[in-house]
């Protein structure tokens, strides 16, 4: 039996035995040249966390992540860049769902992203509207525009995702789309997010701390879907918002619950609170939009973001633990 175990260990690369860490370097000075090759080399699941360390450089890849308990760590938010160009409207013409619609596509649990940028550069290199054959459209064709949804990050059947010191960038809508209304738990800290309409649009439970939101186009920056559970919420603490003249803060289509604490709004933001879209939608729990100690740059605060929290809730109680309860502690590691 011992001989069999020894043979099995010898068949595993030394780097995998010594530590669950793989190095990716585009210049060949690592274990793999591409991130996807490194991901594919791992077993689907592991009791211990695996780390893929990505050296500085621009990696022109569309990533598919179905490996659980995984860290993708770059050398720096401005040095390790994962970039791809794709319009969701065009992708869906030939595909039945969103699997593959983003630069980074995740279908796994316990994923951590650190010190890297994920960019969908479609809208930034766009040269003009064009029409493509489209099986899913009743007309058989579809016009793709610069305002098409352009996802940098999209999750499917995924829970527990953490991003620290990352930059998510697109020009169109839905840049950061962690979608799982029933069990989704998302944690973002020290991140930059850019895009168009609803470019930060979590479903389920979400925490964003010390993040910067930049609106390039569209009718609102942030969005939330908490329709599967009355307790689900999106919390933004010490975050800042800026964008084109007259950009709007946020909106919702389904049941949502927003908490904005110690946030700063650019002077050129529109005088419009987070608003509801579609009066015919079934809203089970009413309007739940709360602000505390938020301010507008240059003074002249808007009346709608004055202090307003649910009865019995103090600002000091709003924490990561309050959001996720005993189900997850993203600050543990």
C-alpha atoms as a PDB file:
ATOM      1  CA  UNK A   1       0.000   0.000   0.000  1.00  0.00           C
ATOM      2  CA  UNK A   2       2.805   2.439   0.907  1.00  0.00           C
ATOM      3  CA  UNK A   3       4.468   1.733  -2.441  1.00  0.00           C
ATOM      4  CA  UNK A   4       1.233   2.578  -4.292  1.00  0.00           C
ATOM      5  CA  UNK A   5       0.892   5.864  -2.412  1.00  0.00           C
ATOM      6  CA  UNK A   6       4.523   6.715  -3.184  1.00  0.00           C
ATOM      7  CA  UNK A   7       3.986   6.062  -6.880  1.00  0.00           C
ATOM      8  CA  UNK A   8       0.916   8.271  -6.887  1.00  0.00           C
ATOM      9  CA  UNK A   9       2.817  11.092  -5.222  1.00  0.00           C
ATOM     10  CA  UNK A  10       5.642  10.770  -7.709  1.00  0.00           C
ATOM     11  CA  UNK A  11       3.168  11.167 -10.567  1.00  0.00           C
ATOM     12  CA  UNK A  12       2.065  14.560  -9.228  1.00  0.00           C
ATOM     13  CA  UNK A  13       4.200  17.568 -10.232  1.00  0.00           C
ATOM     14  CA  UNK A  14       6.534  18.618  -7.399  1.00  0.00           C
ATOM     15  CA  UNK A  15       5.016  22.097  -7.239  1.00  0.00           C
ATOM     16  CA  UNK A  16       1.589  20.577  -6.505  1.00  0.00           C
ATOM     17  CA  UNK A  17       2.928  18.398  -3.671  1.00  0.00           C
ATOM     18  CA  UNK A  18       4.994  21.135  -2.018  1.00  0.00           C
ATOM     19  CA  UNK A  19       2.282  23.770  -2.138  1.00  0.00           C
ATOM     20  CA  UNK A  20      -1.008  24.412  -3.872  1.00  0.00           C
ATOM     21  CA  UNK A  21       0.459  27.304  -5.888  1.00  0.00           C
ATOM     22  CA  UNK A  22       0.914  27.624  -9.631  1.00  0.00           C
ATOM     23  CA  UNK A  23       2.673  30.478 -11.400  1.00  0.00           C
ATOM     24  CA  UNK A  24       1.490  31.898 -14.719  1.00  0.00           C
ATOM     25  CA  UNK A  25       3.828  34.054 -16.793  1.00  0.00           C
ATOM     26  CA  UNK A  26       3.252  35.110 -20.361  1.00  0.00           C
ATOM     27  CA  UNK A  27       6.983  35.105 -21.043  1.00  0.00           C
ATOM     28  CA  UNK A  28       7.267  31.430 -20.173  1.00  0.00           C
ATOM     29  CA  UNK A  29       9.020  31.914 -16.828  1.00  0.00           C
ATOM     30  CA  UNK A  30       6.284  30.172 -14.890  1.00  0.00           C
ATOM     31  CA  UNK A  31       4.460  26.871 -14.777  1.00  0.00           C
ATOM     32  CA  UNK A  32       2.067  27.950 -17.546  1.00  0.00           C
ATOM     33  CA  UNK A  33       1.890  30.720 -20.116  1.00  0.00           C
ATOM     34  CA  UNK A  34      -1.886  31.170 -19.933  1.00  0.00           C
ATOM     35  CA  UNK A  35      -4.272  31.432 -17.011  1.00  0.00           C
ATOM     36  CA  UNK A  36      -6.761  28.999 -18.512  1.00  0.00           C
ATOM     37  CA  UNK A  37      -4.077  26.296 -18.843  1.00  0.00           C
ATOM     38  CA  UNK A  38      -3.287  26.732 -15.151  1.00  0.00           C
ATOM     39  CA  UNK A  39      -6.956  26.478 -14.202  1.00  0.00           C
ATOM     40  CA  UNK A  40      -7.454  23.375 -16.342  1.00  0.00           C
ATOM     41  CA  UNK A  41      -4.507  21.655 -14.670  1.00  0.00           C
ATOM     42  CA  UNK A  42      -6.268  21.547 -11.296  1.00  0.00           C
ATOM     43  CA  UNK A  43      -8.744  18.999  -9.941  1.00  0.00           C
ATOM     44  CA  UNK A  44     -12.299  20.326  -9.764  1.00  0.00           C
ATOM     45  CA  UNK A  45     -12.344  20.482  -5.962  1.00  0.00           C
ATOM     46  CA  UNK A  46      -9.873  20.548  -3.098  1.00  0.00           C
ATOM     47  CA  UNK A  47     -10.094  20.640   0.678  1.00  0.00           C
ATOM     48  CA  UNK A  48      -7.329  23.261   0.693  1.00  0.00           C
ATOM     49  CA  UNK A  49      -7.170  26.509  -1.234  1.00  0.00           C
ATOM     50  CA  UNK A  50      -5.243  26.503  -4.519  1.00  0.00           C
ATOM     51  CA  UNK A  51      -3.495  29.692  -5.661  1.00  0.00           C
ATOM     52  CA  UNK A  52      -2.742  30.680  -9.222  1.00  0.00           C
ATOM     53  CA  UNK A  53      -0.234  33.522  -9.093  1.00  0.00           C
ATOM     54  CA  UNK A  54      -0.308  35.578 -12.282  1.00  0.00           C
ATOM     55  CA  UNK A  55       2.759  37.615 -13.091  1.00  0.00           C
ATOM     56  CA  UNK A  56       2.461  41.095 -14.525  1.00  0.00           C
ATOM     57  CA  UNK A  57       1.397  41.418 -18.127  1.00  0.00           C
ATOM     58  CA  UNK A  58      -1.711  41.600 -20.281  1.00  0.00           C
ATOM     59  CA  UNK A  59      -3.444  38.250 -20.779  1.00  0.00           C
ATOM     60  CA  UNK A  60      -5.849  38.327 -23.709  1.00  0.00           C
ATOM     61  CA  UNK A  61      -8.033  35.495 -22.506  1.00  0.00           C
ATOM     62  CA  UNK A  62     -11.649  34.642 -21.886  1.00  0.00           C
ATOM     63  CA  UNK A  63     -11.612  32.604 -18.684  1.00  0.00           C
ATOM     64  CA  UNK A  64     -13.889  29.727 -17.691  1.00  0.00           C
ATOM     65  CA  UNK A  65     -13.599  28.840 -14.012  1.00  0.00           C
ATOM     66  CA  UNK A  66     -15.306  25.688 -12.725  1.00  0.00           C
ATOM     67  CA  UNK A  67     -12.718  24.775 -10.091  1.00  0.00           C
ATOM     68  CA  UNK A  68     -13.767  25.317  -6.467  1.00  0.00           C
ATOM     69  CA  UNK A  69     -11.661  26.807  -3.673  1.00  0.00           C
ATOM     70  CA  UNK A  70      -9.374  28.847  -5.897  1.00  0.00           C
ATOM     71  CA  UNK A  71      -7.418  32.104  -5.607  1.00  0.00           C
ATOM     72  CA  UNK A  72      -6.361  34.091  -8.672  1.00  0.00           C
ATOM     73  CA  UNK A  73      -3.726  36.568  -7.522  1.00  0.00           C
ATOM     74  CA  UNK A  74      -1.916  39.101  -9.682  1.00  0.00           C
ATOM     75  CA  UNK A  75       1.238  41.145  -9.131  1.00  0.00           C
ATOM     76  CA  UNK A  76      -0.771  44.354  -9.019  1.00  0.00           C
ATOM     77  CA  UNK A  77      -4.103  45.838 -10.015  1.00  0.00           C
ATOM     78  CA  UNK A  78      -2.444  47.873 -12.771  1.00  0.00           C
ATOM     79  CA  UNK A  79       0.125  45.240 -13.722  1.00  0.00           C
ATOM     80  CA  UNK A  80      -1.797  41.980 -14.127  1.00  0.00           C
ATOM     81  CA  UNK A  81      -4.520  42.583 -16.707  1.00  0.00           C
ATOM     82  CA  UNK A  82      -6.989  40.039 -18.094  1.00  0.00           C
ATOM     83  CA  UNK A  83      -8.683  41.486 -21.147  1.00  0.00           C
ATOM     84  CA  UNK A  84     -11.151  40.291 -23.761  1.00  0.00           C
ATOM     85  CA  UNK A  85     -13.687  41.893 -26.125  1.00  0.00           C
ATOM     86  CA  UNK A  86     -17.265  40.621 -26.237  1.00  0.00           C
ATOM     87  CA  UNK A  87     -20.785  42.039 -26.539  1.00  0.00           C
ATOM     88  CA  UNK A  88     -23.413  40.050 -24.689  1.00  0.00           C
ATOM     89  CA  UNK A  89     -26.061  40.814 -27.329  1.00  0.00           C
ATOM     90  CA  UNK A  90     -23.929  39.217 -30.015  1.00  0.00           C
ATOM     91  CA  UNK A  91     -22.947  36.217 -27.881  1.00  0.00           C
ATOM     92  CA  UNK A  92     -26.566  35.372 -27.082  1.00  0.00           C
ATOM     93  CA  UNK A  93     -27.454  35.209 -30.770  1.00  0.00           C
ATOM     94  CA  UNK A  94     -25.715  31.829 -31.001  1.00  0.00           C
ATOM     95  CA  UNK A  95     -25.711  30.614 -27.396  1.00  0.00           C
ATOM     96  CA  UNK A  96     -28.587  29.570 -25.113  1.00  0.00           C
ATOM     97  CA  UNK A  97     -27.260  31.184 -21.932  1.00  0.00           C
ATOM     98  CA  UNK A  98     -24.607  33.509 -20.508  1.00  0.00           C
ATOM     99  CA  UNK A  99     -21.888  30.907 -20.021  1.00  0.00           C
ATOM    100  CA  UNK A 100     -19.042  32.553 -21.903  1.00  0.00           C
ATOM    101  CA  UNK A 101     -20.522  36.036 -22.115  1.00  0.00           C
ATOM    102  CA  UNK A 102     -17.858  37.720 -19.983  1.00  0.00           C
ATOM    103  CA  UNK A 103     -14.106  38.093 -19.800  1.00  0.00           C
ATOM    104  CA  UNK A 104     -14.197  36.041 -16.593  1.00  0.00           C
ATOM    105  CA  UNK A 105     -16.925  33.383 -16.352  1.00  0.00           C
ATOM    106  CA  UNK A 106     -17.279  31.626 -13.006  1.00  0.00           C
ATOM    107  CA  UNK A 107     -19.276  28.527 -12.138  1.00  0.00           C
ATOM    108  CA  UNK A 108     -17.630  27.518  -8.859  1.00  0.00           C
ATOM    109  CA  UNK A 109     -17.704  28.291  -5.147  1.00  0.00           C
ATOM    110  CA  UNK A 110     -15.114  29.950  -2.912  1.00  0.00           C
ATOM    111  CA  UNK A 111     -13.343  31.996  -5.554  1.00  0.00           C
ATOM    112  CA  UNK A 112     -10.983  34.815  -4.559  1.00  0.00           C
ATOM    113  CA  UNK A 113      -9.558  37.464  -6.874  1.00  0.00           C
ATOM    114  CA  UNK A 114      -6.652  39.660  -5.741  1.00  0.00           C
ATOM    115  CA  UNK A 115      -4.542  42.427  -7.227  1.00  0.00           C
ATOM    116  CA  UNK A 116      -5.604  42.180 -10.852  1.00  0.00           C
ATOM    117  CA  UNK A 117      -7.751  43.832 -13.520  1.00  0.00           C
ATOM    118  CA  UNK A 118     -10.551  42.170 -15.483  1.00  0.00           C
ATOM    119  CA  UNK A 119     -11.542  44.148 -18.557  1.00  0.00           C
ATOM    120  CA  UNK A 120     -14.102  43.764 -21.321  1.00  0.00           C
ATOM    121  CA  UNK A 121     -12.680  46.258 -23.804  1.00  0.00           C
ATOM    122  CA  UNK A 122     -15.439  45.923 -26.418  1.00  0.00           C
ATOM    123  CA  UNK A 123     -16.903  49.400 -25.855  1.00  0.00           C
ATOM    124  CA  UNK A 124     -13.533  51.116 -25.693  1.00  0.00           C
ATOM    125  CA  UNK A 125     -12.402  49.859 -29.115  1.00  0.00           C
ATOM    126  CA  UNK A 126     -15.830  50.029 -30.752  1.00  0.00           C
ATOM    127  CA  UNK A 127     -15.769  51.549 -34.255  1.00  0.00           C
ATOM    128  CA  UNK A 128     -19.521  51.806 -34.943  1.00  0.00           C
ATOM    129  CA  UNK A 129     -22.825  49.921 -34.938  1.00  0.00           C
ATOM    130  CA  UNK A 130     -22.963  46.680 -36.929  1.00  0.00           C
ATOM    131  CA  UNK A 131     -25.572  44.013 -37.639  1.00  0.00           C
ATOM    132  CA  UNK A 132     -25.098  40.262 -37.160  1.00  0.00           C
ATOM    133  CA  UNK A 133     -27.248  37.204 -37.959  1.00  0.00           C
ATOM    134  CA  UNK A 134     -29.154  36.336 -34.790  1.00  0.00           C
ATOM    135  CA  UNK A 135     -31.060  33.090 -34.286  1.00  0.00           C
ATOM    136  CA  UNK A 136     -32.577  34.296 -31.010  1.00  0.00           C
ATOM    137  CA  UNK A 137     -34.082  37.460 -32.483  1.00  0.00           C
ATOM    138  CA  UNK A 138     -37.470  37.314 -34.214  1.00  0.00           C
ATOM    139  CA  UNK A 139     -36.082  39.349 -37.122  1.00  0.00           C
ATOM    140  CA  UNK A 140     -33.157  36.965 -37.594  1.00  0.00           C
ATOM    141  CA  UNK A 141     -30.632  39.728 -37.052  1.00  0.00           C
ATOM    142  CA  UNK A 142     -29.462  42.127 -34.371  1.00  0.00           C
ATOM    143  CA  UNK A 143     -27.692  45.465 -34.331  1.00  0.00           C
ATOM    144  CA  UNK A 144     -24.801  45.630 -31.888  1.00  0.00           C
ATOM    145  CA  UNK A 145     -24.091  49.025 -30.383  1.00  0.00           C
ATOM    146  CA  UNK A 146     -21.547  50.495 -28.021  1.00  0.00           C
ATOM    147  CA  UNK A 147     -24.210  50.452 -25.284  1.00  0.00           C
ATOM    148  CA  UNK A 148     -24.671  46.686 -25.485  1.00  0.00           C
ATOM    149  CA  UNK A 149     -24.223  44.809 -22.223  1.00  0.00           C
ATOM    150  CA  UNK A 150     -20.535  44.074 -21.749  1.00  0.00           C
ATOM    151  CA  UNK A 151     -19.655  41.892 -18.790  1.00  0.00           C
ATOM    152  CA  UNK A 152     -16.200  41.688 -17.293  1.00  0.00           C
ATOM    153  CA  UNK A 153     -17.300  39.257 -14.562  1.00  0.00           C
ATOM    154  CA  UNK A 154     -20.291  36.890 -14.711  1.00  0.00           C
ATOM    155  CA  UNK A 155     -21.101  34.112 -12.275  1.00  0.00           C
ATOM    156  CA  UNK A 156     -23.515  31.233 -12.785  1.00  0.00           C
ATOM    157  CA  UNK A 157     -24.552  28.768 -10.056  1.00  0.00           C
ATOM    158  CA  UNK A 158     -21.857  30.261  -7.879  1.00  0.00           C
ATOM    159  CA  UNK A 159     -21.709  31.351  -4.241  1.00  0.00           C
ATOM    160  CA  UNK A 160     -19.010  32.961  -2.121  1.00  0.00           C
ATOM    161  CA  UNK A 161     -16.849  35.157  -4.314  1.00  0.00           C
ATOM    162  CA  UNK A 162     -14.318  37.623  -2.919  1.00  0.00           C
ATOM    163  CA  UNK A 163     -12.423  40.352  -4.781  1.00  0.00           C
ATOM    164  CA  UNK A 164      -9.743  42.510  -3.136  1.00  0.00           C
ATOM    165  CA  UNK A 165      -7.837  45.332  -4.835  1.00  0.00           C
ATOM    166  CA  UNK A 166      -9.228  44.502  -8.272  1.00  0.00           C
ATOM    167  CA  UNK A 167     -10.298  46.612 -11.239  1.00  0.00           C
ATOM    168  CA  UNK A 168     -13.376  45.576 -13.216  1.00  0.00           C
ATOM    169  CA  UNK A 169     -13.849  47.626 -16.361  1.00  0.00           C
ATOM    170  CA  UNK A 170     -16.270  47.815 -19.273  1.00  0.00           C
ATOM    171  CA  UNK A 171     -18.032  50.574 -21.170  1.00  0.00           C
ATOM    172  CA  UNK A 172     -21.508  49.037 -21.351  1.00  0.00           C
ATOM    173  CA  UNK A 173     -23.841  47.577 -18.754  1.00  0.00           C
ATOM    174  CA  UNK A 174     -23.537  44.717 -16.241  1.00  0.00           C
ATOM    175  CA  UNK A 175     -19.755  44.903 -15.857  1.00  0.00           C
ATOM    176  CA  UNK A 176     -19.808  43.066 -12.521  1.00  0.00           C
ATOM    177  CA  UNK A 177     -22.612  40.487 -12.542  1.00  0.00           C
ATOM    178  CA  UNK A 178     -22.478  38.102  -9.565  1.00  0.00           C
ATOM    179  CA  UNK A 179     -25.893  36.492 -10.021  1.00  0.00           C
ATOM    180  CA  UNK A 180     -27.423  34.007  -7.594  1.00  0.00           C
ATOM    181  CA  UNK A 181     -30.515  35.301  -5.821  1.00  0.00           C
ATOM    182  CA  UNK A 182     -30.970  32.300  -3.539  1.00  0.00           C
ATOM    183  CA  UNK A 183     -27.491  31.786  -2.067  1.00  0.00           C
ATOM    184  CA  UNK A 184     -25.115  34.299  -3.645  1.00  0.00           C
ATOM    185  CA  UNK A 185     -22.646  35.977  -1.285  1.00  0.00           C
ATOM    186  CA  UNK A 186     -20.237  38.542  -2.738  1.00  0.00           C
ATOM    187  CA  UNK A 187     -17.481  40.550  -1.065  1.00  0.00           C
ATOM    188  CA  UNK A 188     -15.592  43.402  -2.738  1.00  0.00           C
ATOM    189  CA  UNK A 189     -12.930  45.543  -1.058  1.00  0.00           C
ATOM    190  CA  UNK A 190     -10.629  48.266  -2.418  1.00  0.00           C
ATOM    191  CA  UNK A 191     -11.904  47.702  -5.960  1.00  0.00           C
ATOM    192  CA  UNK A 192     -12.571  49.959  -8.940  1.00  0.00           C
ATOM    193  CA  UNK A 193     -15.638  49.228 -11.072  1.00  0.00           C
ATOM    194  CA  UNK A 194     -16.496  50.952 -14.350  1.00  0.00           C
ATOM    195  CA  UNK A 195     -19.272  50.607 -16.878  1.00  0.00           C
ATOM    196  CA  UNK A 196     -22.709  51.586 -18.151  1.00  0.00           C
ATOM    197  CA  UNK A 197     -26.197  50.861 -16.920  1.00  0.00           C
ATOM    198  CA  UNK A 198     -26.362  48.655 -13.783  1.00  0.00           C
ATOM    199  CA  UNK A 199     -22.643  47.968 -14.026  1.00  0.00           C
ATOM    200  CA  UNK A 200     -22.543  46.727 -10.428  1.00  0.00           C
ATOM    201  CA  UNK A 201     -25.538  44.407 -10.204  1.00  0.00           C
ATOM    202  CA  UNK A 202     -25.291  41.742  -7.482  1.00  0.00           C
ATOM    203  CA  UNK A 203     -28.110  39.292  -6.757  1.00  0.00           C
ATOM    204  CA  UNK A 204     -28.356  37.983  -3.224  1.00  0.00           C
ATOM    205  CA  UNK A 205     -26.062  39.309  -0.453  1.00  0.00           C
ATOM    206  CA  UNK A 206     -23.265  41.743  -1.310  1.00  0.00           C
ATOM    207  CA  UNK A 207     -20.715  43.833   0.552  1.00  0.00           C
ATOM    208  CA  UNK A 208     -18.591  46.525  -1.154  1.00  0.00           C
ATOM    209  CA  UNK A 209     -16.087  48.493   0.935  1.00  0.00           C
ATOM    210  CA  UNK A 210     -13.782  51.325  -0.083  1.00  0.00           C
ATOM    211  CA  UNK A 211     -14.671  50.835  -3.741  1.00  0.00           C
ATOM    212  CA  UNK A 212     -14.757  53.423  -6.533  1.00  0.00           C
ATOM    213  CA  UNK A 213     -17.606  53.355  -9.066  1.00  0.00           C
ATOM    214  CA  UNK A 214     -17.196  55.133 -12.424  1.00  0.00           C
ATOM    215  CA  UNK A 215     -20.180  55.525 -14.756  1.00  0.00           C
ATOM    216  CA  UNK A 216     -19.432  55.890 -18.476  1.00  0.00           C
ATOM    217  CA  UNK A 217     -22.981  55.731 -19.830  1.00  0.00           C
ATOM    218  CA  UNK A 218     -26.473  54.474 -18.965  1.00  0.00           C
ATOM    219  CA  UNK A 219     -29.332  55.320 -16.655  1.00  0.00           C
ATOM    220  CA  UNK A 220     -27.919  54.083 -13.323  1.00  0.00           C
ATOM    221  CA  UNK A 221     -24.695  52.795 -11.788  1.00  0.00           C
ATOM    222  CA  UNK A 222     -25.755  50.217  -9.186  1.00  0.00           C
ATOM    223  CA  UNK A 223     -28.568  47.660  -9.044  1.00  0.00           C
ATOM    224  CA  UNK A 224     -29.708  44.842  -6.773  1.00  0.00           C
ATOM    225  CA  UNK A 225     -31.962  41.802  -6.894  1.00  0.00           C
ATOM    226  CA  UNK A 226     -32.949  40.423  -3.519  1.00  0.00           C
ATOM    227  CA  UNK A 227     -36.232  38.877  -4.567  1.00  0.00           C
ATOM    228  CA  UNK A 228     -35.486  35.341  -3.339  1.00  0.00           C
ATOM    229  CA  UNK A 229     -35.045  36.219   0.332  1.00  0.00           C
ATOM    230  CA  UNK A 230     -36.285  39.147   2.399  1.00  0.00           C
ATOM    231  CA  UNK A 231     -32.938  39.301   4.226  1.00  0.00           C
ATOM    232  CA  UNK A 232     -30.734  39.637   1.122  1.00  0.00           C
ATOM    233  CA  UNK A 233     -29.124  43.042   0.708  1.00  0.00           C
ATOM    234  CA  UNK A 234     -26.398  45.049  -0.981  1.00  0.00           C
ATOM    235  CA  UNK A 235     -24.237  47.170   1.328  1.00  0.00           C
ATOM    236  CA  UNK A 236     -21.780  49.819   0.167  1.00  0.00           C
ATOM    237  CA  UNK A 237     -19.470  51.338   2.793  1.00  0.00           C
ATOM    238  CA  UNK A 238     -16.913  54.116   2.270  1.00  0.00           C
ATOM    239  CA  UNK A 239     -17.491  54.005  -1.483  1.00  0.00           C
ATOM    240  CA  UNK A 240     -17.273  56.831  -4.010  1.00  0.00           C
ATOM    241  CA  UNK A 241     -19.275  57.485  -7.157  1.00  0.00           C
ATOM    242  CA  UNK A 242     -18.383  59.567 -10.200  1.00  0.00           C
ATOM    243  CA  UNK A 243     -19.200  59.668 -13.907  1.00  0.00           C
ATOM    244  CA  UNK A 244     -20.499  61.680 -16.819  1.00  0.00           C
ATOM    245  CA  UNK A 245     -22.535  64.820 -16.115  1.00  0.00           C
ATOM    246  CA  UNK A 246     -25.953  63.836 -14.836  1.00  0.00           C
ATOM    247  CA  UNK A 247     -25.258  60.164 -14.110  1.00  0.00           C
ATOM    248  CA  UNK A 248     -27.732  58.472 -11.766  1.00  0.00           C
ATOM    249  CA  UNK A 249     -26.840  56.500  -8.670  1.00  0.00           C
ATOM    250  CA  UNK A 250     -28.976  53.377  -8.923  1.00  0.00           C
ATOM    251  CA  UNK A 251     -32.221  51.570  -9.667  1.00  0.00           C
ATOM    252  CA  UNK A 252     -34.001  48.235  -9.190  1.00  0.00           C
ATOM    253  CA  UNK A 253     -36.524  46.087 -11.068  1.00  0.00           C
ATOM    254  CA  UNK A 254     -37.306  43.473  -8.430  1.00  0.00           C
ATOM    255  CA  UNK A 255     -37.256  43.386  -4.653  1.00  0.00           C
ATOM    256  CA  UNK A 256     -34.040  45.005  -3.487  1.00  0.00           C
ATOM    257  CA  UNK A 257     -32.451  46.277  -0.296  1.00  0.00           C
ATOM    258  CA  UNK A 258     -29.751  48.976  -0.457  1.00  0.00           C
ATOM    259  CA  UNK A 259     -27.558  50.339   2.342  1.00  0.00           C
ATOM    260  CA  UNK A 260     -25.109  53.143   1.564  1.00  0.00           C
ATOM    261  CA  UNK A 261     -22.897  54.180   4.485  1.00  0.00           C
ATOM    262  CA  UNK A 262     -20.208  56.900   4.486  1.00  0.00           C
ATOM    263  CA  UNK A 263     -20.376  57.160   0.690  1.00  0.00           C
ATOM    264  CA  UNK A 264     -19.277  60.158  -1.387  1.00  0.00           C
ATOM    265  CA  UNK A 265     -21.135  61.310  -4.504  1.00  0.00           C
ATOM    266  CA  UNK A 266     -19.565  63.428  -7.252  1.00  0.00           C
ATOM    267  CA  UNK A 267     -20.868  66.947  -7.574  1.00  0.00           C
ATOM    268  CA  UNK A 268     -22.163  66.248 -11.112  1.00  0.00           C
ATOM    269  CA  UNK A 269     -24.348  63.299 -10.093  1.00  0.00           C
ATOM    270  CA  UNK A 270     -28.041  63.717 -10.868  1.00  0.00           C
ATOM    271  CA  UNK A 271     -30.381  64.781  -8.082  1.00  0.00           C
ATOM    272  CA  UNK A 272     -32.235  61.467  -8.176  1.00  0.00           C
ATOM    273  CA  UNK A 273     -32.442  58.767  -5.499  1.00  0.00           C
ATOM    274  CA  UNK A 274     -32.169  55.070  -6.249  1.00  0.00           C
ATOM    275  CA  UNK A 275     -35.398  54.430  -8.109  1.00  0.00           C
ATOM    276  CA  UNK A 276     -37.738  51.624  -9.105  1.00  0.00           C
ATOM    277  CA  UNK A 277     -38.192  50.609 -12.753  1.00  0.00           C
ATOM    278  CA  UNK A 278     -41.404  49.010 -13.996  1.00  0.00           C
ATOM    279  CA  UNK A 279     -44.440  49.790 -11.863  1.00  0.00           C
ATOM    280  CA  UNK A 280     -46.010  46.465 -12.824  1.00  0.00           C
ATOM    281  CA  UNK A 281     -43.278  44.358 -11.191  1.00  0.00           C
ATOM    282  CA  UNK A 282     -44.255  42.428  -8.074  1.00  0.00           C
ATOM    283  CA  UNK A 283     -42.498  44.038  -5.110  1.00  0.00           C
ATOM    284  CA  UNK A 284     -43.088  41.949  -1.987  1.00  0.00           C
ATOM    285  CA  UNK A 285     -41.370  44.000   0.713  1.00  0.00           C
ATOM    286  CA  UNK A 286     -41.749  47.604  -0.419  1.00  0.00           C
ATOM    287  CA  UNK A 287     -39.045  50.215  -0.886  1.00  0.00           C
ATOM    288  CA  UNK A 288     -35.944  49.451   1.182  1.00  0.00           C
ATOM    289  CA  UNK A 289     -33.283  52.053   0.415  1.00  0.00           C
ATOM    290  CA  UNK A 290     -31.192  53.375   3.286  1.00  0.00           C
ATOM    291  CA  UNK A 291     -28.433  55.969   3.671  1.00  0.00           C
ATOM    292  CA  UNK A 292     -26.177  56.997   6.508  1.00  0.00           C
ATOM    293  CA  UNK A 293     -23.526  59.740   6.613  1.00  0.00           C
ATOM    294  CA  UNK A 294     -23.344  60.083   2.832  1.00  0.00           C
ATOM    295  CA  UNK A 295     -22.259  63.356   1.284  1.00  0.00           C
ATOM    296  CA  UNK A 296     -21.913  65.134  -2.024  1.00  0.00           C
ATOM    297  CA  UNK A 297     -18.571  66.594  -3.038  1.00  0.00           C
ATOM    298  CA  UNK A 298     -18.469  70.345  -2.622  1.00  0.00           C
ATOM    299  CA  UNK A 299     -21.350  70.389  -0.172  1.00  0.00           C
ATOM    300  CA  UNK A 300     -25.000  71.053  -1.083  1.00  0.00           C
ATOM    301  CA  UNK A 301     -26.100  67.537  -0.224  1.00  0.00           C
ATOM    302  CA  UNK A 302     -29.290  66.178  -1.761  1.00  0.00           C
ATOM    303  CA  UNK A 303     -32.152  65.757   0.681  1.00  0.00           C
ATOM    304  CA  UNK A 304     -32.857  62.146  -0.318  1.00  0.00           C
ATOM    305  CA  UNK A 305     -29.546  60.761   1.018  1.00  0.00           C
ATOM    306  CA  UNK A 306     -29.970  62.219   4.497  1.00  0.00           C
ATOM    307  CA  UNK A 307     -29.578  59.724   7.359  1.00  0.00           C
ATOM    308  CA  UNK A 308     -32.261  57.062   7.162  1.00  0.00           C
ATOM    309  CA  UNK A 309     -31.908  53.545   8.557  1.00  0.00           C
ATOM    310  CA  UNK A 310     -34.540  50.954   9.544  1.00  0.00           C
ATOM    311  CA  UNK A 311     -35.945  51.324  13.049  1.00  0.00           C
ATOM    312  CA  UNK A 312     -33.683  49.659  15.605  1.00  0.00           C
ATOM    313  CA  UNK A 313     -30.620  49.454  13.350  1.00  0.00           C
ATOM    314  CA  UNK A 314     -27.571  51.526  14.254  1.00  0.00           C
ATOM    315  CA  UNK A 315     -24.864  52.381  11.733  1.00  0.00           C
ATOM    316  CA  UNK A 316     -22.313  50.629  13.973  1.00  0.00           C
ATOM    317  CA  UNK A 317     -24.243  47.377  13.526  1.00  0.00           C
ATOM    318  CA  UNK A 318     -23.733  47.364   9.757  1.00  0.00           C
ATOM    319  CA  UNK A 319     -20.830  44.980   9.251  1.00  0.00           C
ATOM    320  CA  UNK A 320     -19.701  42.048   7.140  1.00  0.00           C
ATOM    321  CA  UNK A 321     -20.992  39.676   9.803  1.00  0.00           C
ATOM    322  CA  UNK A 322     -24.357  41.441   9.801  1.00  0.00           C
ATOM    323  CA  UNK A 323     -24.633  40.888   6.040  1.00  0.00           C
ATOM    324  CA  UNK A 324     -23.509  37.252   5.785  1.00  0.00           C
ATOM    325  CA  UNK A 325     -24.253  36.006   9.303  1.00  0.00           C
ATOM    326  CA  UNK A 326     -22.719  32.662  10.199  1.00  0.00           C
ATOM    327  CA  UNK A 327     -22.770  31.376   6.627  1.00  0.00           C
ATOM    328  CA  UNK A 328     -19.490  32.974   5.527  1.00  0.00           C
ATOM    329  CA  UNK A 329     -16.648  35.062   6.892  1.00  0.00           C
ATOM    330  CA  UNK A 330     -14.789  36.574   3.913  1.00  0.00           C
ATOM    331  CA  UNK A 331     -12.451  38.497   6.224  1.00  0.00           C
ATOM    332  CA  UNK A 332     -11.143  35.348   7.882  1.00  0.00           C
ATOM    333  CA  UNK A 333      -8.234  34.867   5.494  1.00  0.00           C
END
